[in-house]
Structure formats: C-alpha cells, structure tokens
Amino acid sequence: MTGDAVSGIRAPTARAMRGQTVRDVEMVVRHPQTGNTIIAVTGSPLIDEGGVQRGGIVVSRDITQRERAEEEIQKLNADLELGAAAHSGA
C-alpha cells in the first residue's frame, strides 16, 4: 500500500474512533506492482456493556472483481441496446 492509501483508510478508522459509523465507503488502493484494488470499508465504534466507547473496529473487503463484473454488465447492456436500436431501425 502506498502512503496515500494508508492515509485514506485512516479516515473511516478515525470516524469510528470518534463514535461514527461508516458503511461500504469505496476506496481505491494503488500498488505499483499489482495495480489498483477497490475496497469497501465499514467501521463503527466499539462500545462496552456499560455503553462506554472503548475503540473502533474497521473491516475492509476487496470488491475489485465485483466492480469489474458490474462494469462488464453495463458494457454488455449498452452493446445490447445499440444492437436492438440498430435492428429496429433497419
């Protein structure tokens, strides 16, 4: 991970530590050898049984393949619409 990626991930962590909940914040992690990885970050405060905040917890999920699949579906749908329009216009 680059320094920029780490500082970006810290934003949801800091919000969780301040008592805020964040859900599925999408971020791009850039790596010089492996390229871009898209992650979804969810975080929330960690509250004990007495209601006192004791920290925060953050989970990051790699959603790169899902995002690429969604892009491919959009492209295929656009191609299908173009084909249908060309066929109906003929």
PDB file of N, CA and C in Angstrom:
ATOM      1  N   MET A   1       0.832  -1.172   0.000  1.00  0.00           N
ATOM      2  CA  MET A   1       0.000   0.000   0.000  1.00  0.00           C
ATOM      3  C   MET A   1       0.878   1.238   0.000  1.00  0.00           C
ATOM      4  N   THR A   2       0.419   2.240  -0.674  1.00  0.00           N
ATOM      5  CA  THR A   2       1.165   3.491  -0.669  1.00  0.00           C
ATOM      6  C   THR A   2       0.760   4.311   0.544  1.00  0.00           C
ATOM      7  N   GLY A   3       1.533   5.346   0.825  1.00  0.00           N
ATOM      8  CA  GLY A   3       1.204   6.226   1.943  1.00  0.00           C
ATOM      9  C   GLY A   3      -0.154   6.870   1.775  1.00  0.00           C
ATOM     10  N   ASP A   4      -0.504   7.241   0.525  1.00  0.00           N
ATOM     11  CA  ASP A   4      -1.815   7.840   0.279  1.00  0.00           C
ATOM     12  C   ASP A   4      -2.937   6.864   0.595  1.00  0.00           C
ATOM     13  N   ALA A   5      -2.734   5.595   0.238  1.00  0.00           N
ATOM     14  CA  ALA A   5      -3.758   4.588   0.506  1.00  0.00           C
ATOM     15  C   ALA A   5      -3.951   4.410   1.999  1.00  0.00           C
ATOM     16  N   VAL A   6      -2.863   4.365   2.728  1.00  0.00           N
ATOM     17  CA  VAL A   6      -2.956   4.191   4.177  1.00  0.00           C
ATOM     18  C   VAL A   6      -3.666   5.378   4.805  1.00  0.00           C
ATOM     19  N   SER A   7      -3.338   6.595   4.388  1.00  0.00           N
ATOM     20  CA  SER A   7      -3.993   7.764   4.973  1.00  0.00           C
ATOM     21  C   SER A   7      -5.473   7.778   4.619  1.00  0.00           C
ATOM     22  N   GLY A   8      -5.833   7.290   3.419  1.00  0.00           N
ATOM     23  CA  GLY A   8      -7.237   7.216   3.047  1.00  0.00           C
ATOM     24  C   GLY A   8      -8.007   6.241   3.913  1.00  0.00           C
ATOM     25  N   ILE A   9      -7.405   5.110   4.214  1.00  0.00           N
ATOM     26  CA  ILE A   9      -8.057   4.107   5.054  1.00  0.00           C
ATOM     27  C   ILE A   9      -8.206   4.620   6.480  1.00  0.00           C
ATOM     28  N   ARG A  10      -7.310   5.469   6.898  1.00  0.00           N
ATOM     29  CA  ARG A  10      -7.399   6.017   8.255  1.00  0.00           C
ATOM     30  C   ARG A  10      -8.642   6.876   8.452  1.00  0.00           C
ATOM     31  N   ALA A  11      -9.173   7.464   7.387  1.00  0.00           N
ATOM     32  CA  ALA A  11     -10.354   8.319   7.534  1.00  0.00           C
ATOM     33  C   ALA A  11     -11.531   7.553   8.138  1.00  0.00           C
ATOM     34  N   PRO A  12     -11.931   6.376   7.609  1.00  0.00           N
ATOM     35  CA  PRO A  12     -13.005   5.629   8.264  1.00  0.00           C
ATOM     36  C   PRO A  12     -12.627   5.175   9.672  1.00  0.00           C
ATOM     37  N   THR A  13     -11.352   4.845   9.882  1.00  0.00           N
ATOM     38  CA  THR A  13     -10.900   4.447  11.217  1.00  0.00           C
ATOM     39  C   THR A  13     -11.067   5.602  12.193  1.00  0.00           C
ATOM     40  N   ALA A  14     -10.658   6.788  11.782  1.00  0.00           N
ATOM     41  CA  ALA A  14     -10.792   7.967  12.649  1.00  0.00           C
ATOM     42  C   ALA A  14     -12.255   8.253  12.951  1.00  0.00           C
ATOM     43  N   ARG A  15     -13.112   8.087  11.952  1.00  0.00           N
ATOM     44  CA  ARG A  15     -14.539   8.323  12.182  1.00  0.00           C
ATOM     45  C   ARG A  15     -15.097   7.317  13.189  1.00  0.00           C
ATOM     46  N   ALA A  16     -14.689   6.055  13.077  1.00  0.00           N
ATOM     47  CA  ALA A  16     -15.139   5.036  14.032  1.00  0.00           C
ATOM     48  C   ALA A  16     -14.651   5.371  15.432  1.00  0.00           C
ATOM     49  N   MET A  17     -13.422   5.859  15.537  1.00  0.00           N
ATOM     50  CA  MET A  17     -12.871   6.225  16.846  1.00  0.00           C
ATOM     51  C   MET A  17     -13.589   7.440  17.438  1.00  0.00           C
ATOM     52  N   ARG A  18     -14.208   8.258  16.582  1.00  0.00           N
ATOM     53  CA  ARG A  18     -14.978   9.416  17.063  1.00  0.00           C
ATOM     54  C   ARG A  18     -16.430   9.050  17.360  1.00  0.00           C
ATOM     55  N   GLY A  19     -16.767   7.764  17.219  1.00  0.00           N
ATOM     56  CA  GLY A  19     -18.119   7.328  17.544  1.00  0.00           C
ATOM     57  C   GLY A  19     -19.060   7.259  16.357  1.00  0.00           C
ATOM     58  N   GLN A  20     -18.556   7.482  15.165  1.00  0.00           N
ATOM     59  CA  GLN A  20     -19.393   7.447  13.965  1.00  0.00           C
ATOM     60  C   GLN A  20     -19.343   6.061  13.321  1.00  0.00           C
ATOM     61  N   THR A  21     -20.398   5.740  12.597  1.00  0.00           N
ATOM     62  CA  THR A  21     -20.444   4.504  11.833  1.00  0.00           C
ATOM     63  C   THR A  21     -20.341   4.843  10.355  1.00  0.00           C
ATOM     64  N   VAL A  22     -19.511   4.118   9.637  1.00  0.00           N
ATOM     65  CA  VAL A  22     -19.397   4.278   8.185  1.00  0.00           C
ATOM     66  C   VAL A  22     -19.680   2.926   7.546  1.00  0.00           C
ATOM     67  N   ARG A  23     -20.361   2.941   6.421  1.00  0.00           N
ATOM     68  CA  ARG A  23     -20.717   1.685   5.756  1.00  0.00           C
ATOM     69  C   ARG A  23     -20.321   1.732   4.286  1.00  0.00           C
ATOM     70  N   ASP A  24     -19.572   0.728   3.892  1.00  0.00           N
ATOM     71  CA  ASP A  24     -19.226   0.500   2.489  1.00  0.00           C
ATOM     72  C   ASP A  24     -18.686   1.736   1.775  1.00  0.00           C
ATOM     73  N   VAL A  25     -17.740   2.404   2.408  1.00  0.00           N
ATOM     74  CA  VAL A  25     -17.041   3.508   1.755  1.00  0.00           C
ATOM     75  C   VAL A  25     -16.074   2.879   0.757  1.00  0.00           C
ATOM     76  N   GLU A  26     -16.265   3.178  -0.530  1.00  0.00           N
ATOM     77  CA  GLU A  26     -15.408   2.581  -1.550  1.00  0.00           C
ATOM     78  C   GLU A  26     -14.147   3.410  -1.728  1.00  0.00           C
ATOM     79  N   MET A  27     -13.021   2.714  -1.772  1.00  0.00           N
ATOM     80  CA  MET A  27     -11.725   3.364  -1.916  1.00  0.00           C
ATOM     81  C   MET A  27     -10.885   2.562  -2.898  1.00  0.00           C
ATOM     82  N   VAL A  28      -9.948   3.244  -3.546  1.00  0.00           N
ATOM     83  CA  VAL A  28      -9.024   2.582  -4.458  1.00  0.00           C
ATOM     84  C   VAL A  28      -7.648   2.588  -3.814  1.00  0.00           C
ATOM     85  N   VAL A  29      -7.071   1.406  -3.692  1.00  0.00           N
ATOM     86  CA  VAL A  29      -5.711   1.259  -3.169  1.00  0.00           C
ATOM     87  C   VAL A  29      -4.806   1.040  -4.378  1.00  0.00           C
ATOM     88  N   ARG A  30      -3.841   1.914  -4.532  1.00  0.00           N
ATOM     89  CA  ARG A  30      -2.926   1.825  -5.674  1.00  0.00           C
ATOM     90  C   ARG A  30      -1.630   1.145  -5.247  1.00  0.00           C
ATOM     91  N   HIS A  31      -1.215   0.162  -6.033  1.00  0.00           N
ATOM     92  CA  HIS A  31       0.025  -0.551  -5.752  1.00  0.00           C
ATOM     93  C   HIS A  31       0.854  -0.577  -7.027  1.00  0.00           C
ATOM     94  N   PRO A  32       2.146  -0.210  -6.944  1.00  0.00           N
ATOM     95  CA  PRO A  32       2.953  -0.114  -8.163  1.00  0.00           C
ATOM     96  C   PRO A  32       3.112  -1.431  -8.922  1.00  0.00           C
ATOM     97  N   GLN A  33       3.112  -2.564  -8.234  1.00  0.00           N
ATOM     98  CA  GLN A  33       3.289  -3.846  -8.921  1.00  0.00           C
ATOM     99  C   GLN A  33       1.972  -4.506  -9.327  1.00  0.00           C
ATOM    100  N   THR A  34       0.966  -4.400  -8.485  1.00  0.00           N
ATOM    101  CA  THR A  34      -0.272  -5.140  -8.741  1.00  0.00           C
ATOM    102  C   THR A  34      -1.401  -4.284  -9.293  1.00  0.00           C
ATOM    103  N   GLY A  35      -1.220  -2.984  -9.357  1.00  0.00           N
ATOM    104  CA  GLY A  35      -2.263  -2.106  -9.881  1.00  0.00           C
ATOM    105  C   GLY A  35      -3.265  -1.708  -8.816  1.00  0.00           C
ATOM    106  N   ASN A  36      -4.456  -1.349  -9.262  1.00  0.00           N
ATOM    107  CA  ASN A  36      -5.480  -0.847  -8.351  1.00  0.00           C
ATOM    108  C   ASN A  36      -6.317  -1.976  -7.762  1.00  0.00           C
ATOM    109  N   THR A  37      -6.643  -1.831  -6.492  1.00  0.00           N
ATOM    110  CA  THR A  37      -7.567  -2.720  -5.799  1.00  0.00           C
ATOM    111  C   THR A  37      -8.674  -1.846  -5.236  1.00  0.00           C
ATOM    112  N   ILE A  38      -9.915  -2.237  -5.467  1.00  0.00           N
ATOM    113  CA  ILE A  38     -11.048  -1.482  -4.943  1.00  0.00           C
ATOM    114  C   ILE A  38     -11.505  -2.173  -3.666  1.00  0.00           C
ATOM    115  N   ILE A  39     -11.606  -1.404  -2.597  1.00  0.00           N
ATOM    116  CA  ILE A  39     -12.045  -1.970  -1.322  1.00  0.00           C
ATOM    117  C   ILE A  39     -13.274  -1.221  -0.820  1.00  0.00           C
ATOM    118  N   ALA A  40     -14.087  -1.913  -0.045  1.00  0.00           N
ATOM    119  CA  ALA A  40     -15.216  -1.309   0.655  1.00  0.00           C
ATOM    120  C   ALA A  40     -14.884  -1.355   2.136  1.00  0.00           C
ATOM    121  N   VAL A  41     -14.934  -0.199   2.778  1.00  0.00           N
ATOM    122  CA  VAL A  41     -14.548  -0.089   4.183  1.00  0.00           C
ATOM    123  C   VAL A  41     -15.786   0.214   5.021  1.00  0.00           C
ATOM    124  N   THR A  42     -15.969  -0.567   6.084  1.00  0.00           N
ATOM    125  CA  THR A  42     -17.049  -0.360   7.040  1.00  0.00           C
ATOM    126  C   THR A  42     -16.420  -0.242   8.418  1.00  0.00           C
ATOM    127  N   GLY A  43     -16.870   0.731   9.184  1.00  0.00           N
ATOM    128  CA  GLY A  43     -16.318   0.912  10.522  1.00  0.00           C
ATOM    129  C   GLY A  43     -17.377   1.380  11.500  1.00  0.00           C
ATOM    130  N   SER A  44     -17.162   1.070  12.763  1.00  0.00           N
ATOM    131  CA  SER A  44     -18.083   1.520  13.805  1.00  0.00           C
ATOM    132  C   SER A  44     -17.353   1.585  15.136  1.00  0.00           C
ATOM    133  N   PRO A  45     -17.913   2.358  16.059  1.00  0.00           N
ATOM    134  CA  PRO A  45     -17.295   2.425  17.385  1.00  0.00           C
ATOM    135  C   PRO A  45     -17.466   1.101  18.117  1.00  0.00           C
ATOM    136  N   LEU A  46     -16.535   0.806  18.991  1.00  0.00           N
ATOM    137  CA  LEU A  46     -16.581  -0.399  19.812  1.00  0.00           C
ATOM    138  C   LEU A  46     -17.044   0.034  21.202  1.00  0.00           C
ATOM    139  N   ILE A  47     -18.253  -0.378  21.570  1.00  0.00           N
ATOM    140  CA  ILE A  47     -18.896   0.053  22.814  1.00  0.00           C
ATOM    141  C   ILE A  47     -18.965  -1.129  23.780  1.00  0.00           C
ATOM    142  N   ASP A  48     -18.568  -0.902  25.039  1.00  0.00           N
ATOM    143  CA  ASP A  48     -18.648  -1.989  26.019  1.00  0.00           C
ATOM    144  C   ASP A  48     -20.059  -2.102  26.587  1.00  0.00           C
ATOM    145  N   GLU A  49     -20.254  -3.092  27.449  1.00  0.00           N
ATOM    146  CA  GLU A  49     -21.588  -3.348  28.004  1.00  0.00           C
ATOM    147  C   GLU A  49     -22.118  -2.201  28.848  1.00  0.00           C
ATOM    148  N   GLY A  50     -21.238  -1.320  29.299  1.00  0.00           N
ATOM    149  CA  GLY A  50     -21.669  -0.156  30.064  1.00  0.00           C
ATOM    150  C   GLY A  50     -21.968   1.055  29.201  1.00  0.00           C
ATOM    151  N   GLY A  51     -21.836   0.896  27.881  1.00  0.00           N
ATOM    152  CA  GLY A  51     -22.125   1.994  26.967  1.00  0.00           C
ATOM    153  C   GLY A  51     -20.952   2.931  26.733  1.00  0.00           C
ATOM    154  N   VAL A  52     -19.767   2.548  27.222  1.00  0.00           N
ATOM    155  CA  VAL A  52     -18.574   3.380  27.064  1.00  0.00           C
ATOM    156  C   VAL A  52     -17.824   2.952  25.804  1.00  0.00           C
ATOM    157  N   GLN A  53     -17.472   3.936  24.982  1.00  0.00           N
ATOM    158  CA  GLN A  53     -16.707   3.614  23.783  1.00  0.00           C
ATOM    159  C   GLN A  53     -15.286   3.241  24.181  1.00  0.00           C
ATOM    160  N   ARG A  54     -14.845   2.070  23.715  1.00  0.00           N
ATOM    161  CA  ARG A  54     -13.510   1.560  24.049  1.00  0.00           C
ATOM    162  C   ARG A  54     -12.574   1.558  22.843  1.00  0.00           C
ATOM    163  N   GLY A  55     -13.069   1.935  21.703  1.00  0.00           N
ATOM    164  CA  GLY A  55     -12.245   1.937  20.494  1.00  0.00           C
ATOM    165  C   GLY A  55     -13.130   1.952  19.270  1.00  0.00           C
ATOM    166  N   GLY A  56     -12.583   1.465  18.186  1.00  0.00           N
ATOM    167  CA  GLY A  56     -13.327   1.378  16.936  1.00  0.00           C
ATOM    168  C   GLY A  56     -12.865   0.155  16.177  1.00  0.00           C
ATOM    169  N   ILE A  57     -13.721  -0.338  15.329  1.00  0.00           N
ATOM    170  CA  ILE A  57     -13.366  -1.502  14.520  1.00  0.00           C
ATOM    171  C   ILE A  57     -13.673  -1.185  13.060  1.00  0.00           C
ATOM    172  N   VAL A  58     -12.764  -1.592  12.187  1.00  0.00           N
ATOM    173  CA  VAL A  58     -12.914  -1.332  10.759  1.00  0.00           C
ATOM    174  C   VAL A  58     -12.664  -2.627   9.989  1.00  0.00           C
ATOM    175  N   VAL A  59     -13.509  -2.889   9.009  1.00  0.00           N
ATOM    176  CA  VAL A  59     -13.363  -4.058   8.144  1.00  0.00           C
ATOM    177  C   VAL A  59     -13.237  -3.563   6.709  1.00  0.00           C
ATOM    178  N   SER A  60     -12.243  -4.082   6.004  1.00  0.00           N
ATOM    179  CA  SER A  60     -12.044  -3.749   4.591  1.00  0.00           C
ATOM    180  C   SER A  60     -12.248  -5.011   3.761  1.00  0.00           C
ATOM    181  N   ARG A  61     -13.035  -4.885   2.694  1.00  0.00           N
ATOM    182  CA  ARG A  61     -13.279  -6.023   1.798  1.00  0.00           C
ATOM    183  C   ARG A  61     -12.820  -5.665   0.393  1.00  0.00           C
ATOM    184  N   ASP A  62     -12.144  -6.593  -0.254  1.00  0.00           N
ATOM    185  CA  ASP A  62     -11.718  -6.411  -1.636  1.00  0.00           C
ATOM    186  C   ASP A  62     -12.930  -6.648  -2.538  1.00  0.00           C
ATOM    187  N   ILE A  63     -13.365  -5.607  -3.239  1.00  0.00           N
ATOM    188  CA  ILE A  63     -14.529  -5.720  -4.124  1.00  0.00           C
ATOM    189  C   ILE A  63     -14.136  -5.489  -5.584  1.00  0.00           C
ATOM    190  N   THR A  64     -12.856  -5.645  -5.876  1.00  0.00           N
ATOM    191  CA  THR A  64     -12.355  -5.386  -7.225  1.00  0.00           C
ATOM    192  C   THR A  64     -13.090  -6.224  -8.265  1.00  0.00           C
ATOM    193  N   GLN A  65     -13.191  -7.522  -8.051  1.00  0.00           N
ATOM    194  CA  GLN A  65     -13.839  -8.399  -9.033  1.00  0.00           C
ATOM    195  C   GLN A  65     -15.310  -8.043  -9.209  1.00  0.00           C
ATOM    196  N   ARG A  66     -15.988  -7.716  -8.122  1.00  0.00           N
ATOM    197  CA  ARG A  66     -17.401  -7.334  -8.212  1.00  0.00           C
ATOM    198  C   ARG A  66     -17.563  -6.072  -9.047  1.00  0.00           C
ATOM    199  N   GLU A  67     -16.709  -5.085  -8.808  1.00  0.00           N
ATOM    200  CA  GLU A  67     -16.782  -3.834  -9.562  1.00  0.00           C
ATOM    201  C   GLU A  67     -16.507  -4.073 -11.042  1.00  0.00           C
ATOM    202  N   ARG A  68     -15.524  -4.900 -11.339  1.00  0.00           N
ATOM    203  CA  ARG A  68     -15.207  -5.206 -12.741  1.00  0.00           C
ATOM    204  C   ARG A  68     -16.365  -5.943 -13.411  1.00  0.00           C
ATOM    205  N   ALA A  69     -16.995  -6.854 -12.684  1.00  0.00           N
ATOM    206  CA  ALA A  69     -18.142  -7.581 -13.237  1.00  0.00           C
ATOM    207  C   ALA A  69     -19.302  -6.626 -13.509  1.00  0.00           C
ATOM    208  N   GLU A  70     -19.556  -5.683 -12.604  1.00  0.00           N
ATOM    209  CA  GLU A  70     -20.621  -4.700 -12.803  1.00  0.00           C
ATOM    210  C   GLU A  70     -20.335  -3.823 -14.020  1.00  0.00           C
ATOM    211  N   GLU A  71     -19.075  -3.422 -14.197  1.00  0.00           N
ATOM    212  CA  GLU A  71     -18.699  -2.632 -15.369  1.00  0.00           C
ATOM    213  C   GLU A  71     -18.925  -3.431 -16.654  1.00  0.00           C
ATOM    214  N   GLU A  72     -18.581  -4.707 -16.629  1.00  0.00           N
ATOM    215  CA  GLU A  72     -18.766  -5.555 -17.808  1.00  0.00           C
ATOM    216  C   GLU A  72     -20.247  -5.713 -18.130  1.00  0.00           C
ATOM    217  N   ILE A  73     -21.081  -5.880 -17.121  1.00  0.00           N
ATOM    218  CA  ILE A  73     -22.526  -5.988 -17.330  1.00  0.00           C
ATOM    219  C   ILE A  73     -23.066  -4.708 -17.956  1.00  0.00           C
ATOM    220  N   GLN A  74     -22.637  -3.556 -17.454  1.00  0.00           N
ATOM    221  CA  GLN A  74     -23.083  -2.282 -18.018  1.00  0.00           C
ATOM    222  C   GLN A  74     -22.670  -2.160 -19.481  1.00  0.00           C
ATOM    223  N   LYS A  75     -21.441  -2.566 -19.786  1.00  0.00           N
ATOM    224  CA  LYS A  75     -20.949  -2.505 -21.166  1.00  0.00           C
ATOM    225  C   LYS A  75     -21.768  -3.426 -22.064  1.00  0.00           C
ATOM    226  N   LEU A  76     -22.017  -4.649 -21.600  1.00  0.00           N
ATOM    227  CA  LEU A  76     -22.798  -5.593 -22.396  1.00  0.00           C
ATOM    228  C   LEU A  76     -24.229  -5.101 -22.610  1.00  0.00           C
ATOM    229  N   ASN A  77     -24.827  -4.507 -21.581  1.00  0.00           N
ATOM    230  CA  ASN A  77     -26.177  -3.957 -21.725  1.00  0.00           C
ATOM    231  C   ASN A  77     -26.203  -2.814 -22.731  1.00  0.00           C
ATOM    232  N   ALA A  78     -25.185  -1.954 -22.695  1.00  0.00           N
ATOM    233  CA  ALA A  78     -25.107  -0.850 -23.651  1.00  0.00           C
ATOM    234  C   ALA A  78     -24.961  -1.391 -25.071  1.00  0.00           C
ATOM    235  N   ASP A  79     -24.112  -2.406 -25.239  1.00  0.00           N
ATOM    236  CA  ASP A  79     -23.943  -3.027 -26.558  1.00  0.00           C
ATOM    237  C   ASP A  79     -25.251  -3.656 -27.036  1.00  0.00           C
ATOM    238  N   LEU A  80     -25.967  -4.290 -26.130  1.00  0.00           N
ATOM    239  CA  LEU A  80     -27.241  -4.919 -26.467  1.00  0.00           C
ATOM    240  C   LEU A  80     -28.259  -3.871 -26.913  1.00  0.00           C
ATOM    241  N   GLU A  81     -28.310  -2.751 -26.194  1.00  0.00           N
ATOM    242  CA  GLU A  81     -29.229  -1.675 -26.561  1.00  0.00           C
ATOM    243  C   GLU A  81     -28.885  -1.100 -27.926  1.00  0.00           C
ATOM    244  N   LEU A  82     -27.588  -0.929 -28.202  1.00  0.00           N
ATOM    245  CA  LEU A  82     -27.173  -0.432 -29.516  1.00  0.00           C
ATOM    246  C   LEU A  82     -27.577  -1.404 -30.615  1.00  0.00           C
ATOM    247  N   GLY A  83     -27.386  -2.691 -30.354  1.00  0.00           N
ATOM    248  CA  GLY A  83     -27.776  -3.703 -31.333  1.00  0.00           C
ATOM    249  C   GLY A  83     -29.273  -3.720 -31.567  1.00  0.00           C
ATOM    250  N   ALA A  84     -30.050  -3.590 -30.508  1.00  0.00           N
ATOM    251  CA  ALA A  84     -31.508  -3.580 -30.630  1.00  0.00           C
ATOM    252  C   ALA A  84     -31.970  -2.344 -31.385  1.00  0.00           C
ATOM    253  N   ALA A  85     -31.345  -1.197 -31.109  1.00  0.00           N
ATOM    254  CA  ALA A  85     -31.712   0.038 -31.803  1.00  0.00           C
ATOM    255  C   ALA A  85     -31.372  -0.058 -33.284  1.00  0.00           C
ATOM    256  N   ALA A  86     -30.224  -0.634 -33.594  1.00  0.00           N
ATOM    257  CA  ALA A  86     -29.824  -0.785 -34.995  1.00  0.00           C
ATOM    258  C   ALA A  86     -30.761  -1.757 -35.714  1.00  0.00           C
ATOM    259  N   HIS A  87     -31.157  -2.813 -35.027  1.00  0.00           N
ATOM    260  CA  HIS A  87     -32.038  -3.816 -35.628  1.00  0.00           C
ATOM    261  C   HIS A  87     -33.435  -3.241 -35.872  1.00  0.00           C
ATOM    262  N   SER A  88     -33.959  -2.481 -34.917  1.00  0.00           N
ATOM    263  CA  SER A  88     -35.304  -1.930 -35.073  1.00  0.00           C
ATOM    264  C   SER A  88     -35.327  -0.807 -36.099  1.00  0.00           C
ATOM    265  N   GLY A  89     -34.187  -0.160 -36.309  1.00  0.00           N
ATOM    266  CA  GLY A  89     -34.110   0.916 -37.291  1.00  0.00           C
ATOM    267  C   GLY A  89     -33.906   0.403 -38.697  1.00  0.00           C
ATOM    268  N   ALA A  90     -33.595  -0.889 -38.833  1.00  0.00           N
ATOM    269  CA  ALA A  90     -33.318  -1.440 -40.167  1.00  0.00           C
ATOM    270  C   ALA A  90     -34.569  -1.807 -40.904  1.00  0.00           C
TER     271      ALA A  90
END
